[in-house]
Amino acid sequence: GKMLQVVAFTVVAIVLYLVADKFLDMIEVRRGQRLEHRSLIFFAILVSLAMVSFNILERVLGGA
């Protein structure tokens, strides 16, 4: 029910945070330097991943 949704969204949010962080690290290692607007880029990656993931979660848990 509703509790399952809250837990699922929370877990996905934590995973997305870690994925976005790793992704940003990979980009920086490739470039060999820290990105200038790191927090802004991190936020953009996180929001993009969240929108896609939460959309999928909505469909999966829609009937729950």
C-alpha atoms as a PDB file:
ATOM      1  CA  GLY A   1       0.000   0.000   0.000  1.00  0.00           C
ATOM      2  CA  LYS A   2       1.016   3.555   0.745  1.00  0.00           C
ATOM      3  CA  MET A   3       3.809   2.552   3.153  1.00  0.00           C
ATOM      4  CA  LEU A   4       5.418   0.353   0.493  1.00  0.00           C
ATOM      5  CA  GLN A   5       5.452   3.319  -1.884  1.00  0.00           C
ATOM      6  CA  VAL A   6       7.123   5.575   0.690  1.00  0.00           C
ATOM      7  CA  VAL A   7       9.796   2.966   1.410  1.00  0.00           C
ATOM      8  CA  ALA A   8      10.360   2.245  -2.292  1.00  0.00           C
ATOM      9  CA  PHE A   9      10.718   5.928  -3.178  1.00  0.00           C
ATOM     10  CA  THR A  10      13.114   6.495  -0.256  1.00  0.00           C
ATOM     11  CA  VAL A  11      15.314   3.548  -1.209  1.00  0.00           C
ATOM     12  CA  VAL A  12      15.352   4.619  -4.867  1.00  0.00           C
ATOM     13  CA  ALA A  13      16.240   8.194  -3.864  1.00  0.00           C
ATOM     14  CA  ILE A  14      19.223   6.976  -1.810  1.00  0.00           C
ATOM     15  CA  VAL A  15      20.415   4.721  -4.633  1.00  0.00           C
ATOM     16  CA  LEU A  16      20.056   7.573  -7.147  1.00  0.00           C
ATOM     17  CA  TYR A  17      22.100   9.861  -4.911  1.00  0.00           C
ATOM     18  CA  LEU A  18      24.930   7.311  -4.822  1.00  0.00           C
ATOM     19  CA  VAL A  19      24.692   6.623  -8.571  1.00  0.00           C
ATOM     20  CA  ALA A  20      24.777  10.335  -9.426  1.00  0.00           C
ATOM     21  CA  ASP A  21      27.799  10.808  -7.162  1.00  0.00           C
ATOM     22  CA  LYS A  22      29.689   7.921  -8.802  1.00  0.00           C
ATOM     23  CA  PHE A  23      28.732   9.169 -12.261  1.00  0.00           C
ATOM     24  CA  LEU A  24      30.063  12.631 -11.460  1.00  0.00           C
ATOM     25  CA  ASP A  25      33.287  11.129 -10.101  1.00  0.00           C
ATOM     26  CA  MET A  26      33.713   9.159 -13.338  1.00  0.00           C
ATOM     27  CA  ILE A  27      33.283  12.306 -15.434  1.00  0.00           C
ATOM     28  CA  GLU A  28      35.816  14.169 -13.299  1.00  0.00           C
ATOM     29  CA  VAL A  29      38.371  11.349 -13.443  1.00  0.00           C
ATOM     30  CA  ARG A  30      38.003  11.282 -17.247  1.00  0.00           C
ATOM     31  CA  ARG A  31      38.566  15.040 -17.447  1.00  0.00           C
ATOM     32  CA  GLY A  32      41.343  14.892 -14.886  1.00  0.00           C
ATOM     33  CA  GLN A  33      39.874  17.792 -12.947  1.00  0.00           C
ATOM     34  CA  ARG A  34      36.972  18.816 -10.746  1.00  0.00           C
ATOM     35  CA  LEU A  35      34.004  20.303 -12.558  1.00  0.00           C
ATOM     36  CA  GLU A  36      33.402  23.998 -12.052  1.00  0.00           C
ATOM     37  CA  HIS A  37      29.694  23.853 -11.239  1.00  0.00           C
ATOM     38  CA  ARG A  38      29.849  20.455  -9.549  1.00  0.00           C
ATOM     39  CA  SER A  39      26.796  20.821  -7.298  1.00  0.00           C
ATOM     40  CA  LEU A  40      24.663  22.154 -10.143  1.00  0.00           C
ATOM     41  CA  ILE A  41      25.655  19.278 -12.442  1.00  0.00           C
ATOM     42  CA  PHE A  42      25.132  16.781  -9.604  1.00  0.00           C
ATOM     43  CA  PHE A  43      21.646  18.192  -9.045  1.00  0.00           C
ATOM     44  CA  ALA A  44      20.832  17.972 -12.758  1.00  0.00           C
ATOM     45  CA  ILE A  45      21.951  14.323 -12.922  1.00  0.00           C
ATOM     46  CA  LEU A  46      20.007  13.502  -9.755  1.00  0.00           C
ATOM     47  CA  VAL A  47      16.800  15.185 -10.935  1.00  0.00           C
ATOM     48  CA  SER A  48      17.000  13.501 -14.349  1.00  0.00           C
ATOM     49  CA  LEU A  49      17.499  10.061 -12.824  1.00  0.00           C
ATOM     50  CA  ALA A  50      14.768  10.711 -10.260  1.00  0.00           C
ATOM     51  CA  MET A  51      12.197  11.736 -12.864  1.00  0.00           C
ATOM     52  CA  VAL A  52      12.820   8.601 -14.914  1.00  0.00           C
ATOM     53  CA  SER A  53      12.970   6.246 -11.919  1.00  0.00           C
ATOM     54  CA  PHE A  54       9.970   7.679 -10.097  1.00  0.00           C
ATOM     55  CA  ASN A  55       7.978   7.495 -13.311  1.00  0.00           C
ATOM     56  CA  ILE A  56       8.810   3.792 -13.584  1.00  0.00           C
ATOM     57  CA  LEU A  57       8.051   3.261  -9.877  1.00  0.00           C
ATOM     58  CA  GLU A  58       4.667   4.945 -10.302  1.00  0.00           C
ATOM     59  CA  ARG A  59       3.767   2.443 -13.030  1.00  0.00           C
ATOM     60  CA  VAL A  60       5.089  -0.549 -11.113  1.00  0.00           C
ATOM     61  CA  LEU A  61       3.540   0.417  -7.788  1.00  0.00           C
ATOM     62  CA  GLY A  62       0.488   2.090  -9.304  1.00  0.00           C
ATOM     63  CA  GLY A  63      -1.642  -0.962  -8.645  1.00  0.00           C
ATOM     64  CA  ALA A  64      -0.110  -1.617  -5.209  1.00  0.00           C
END
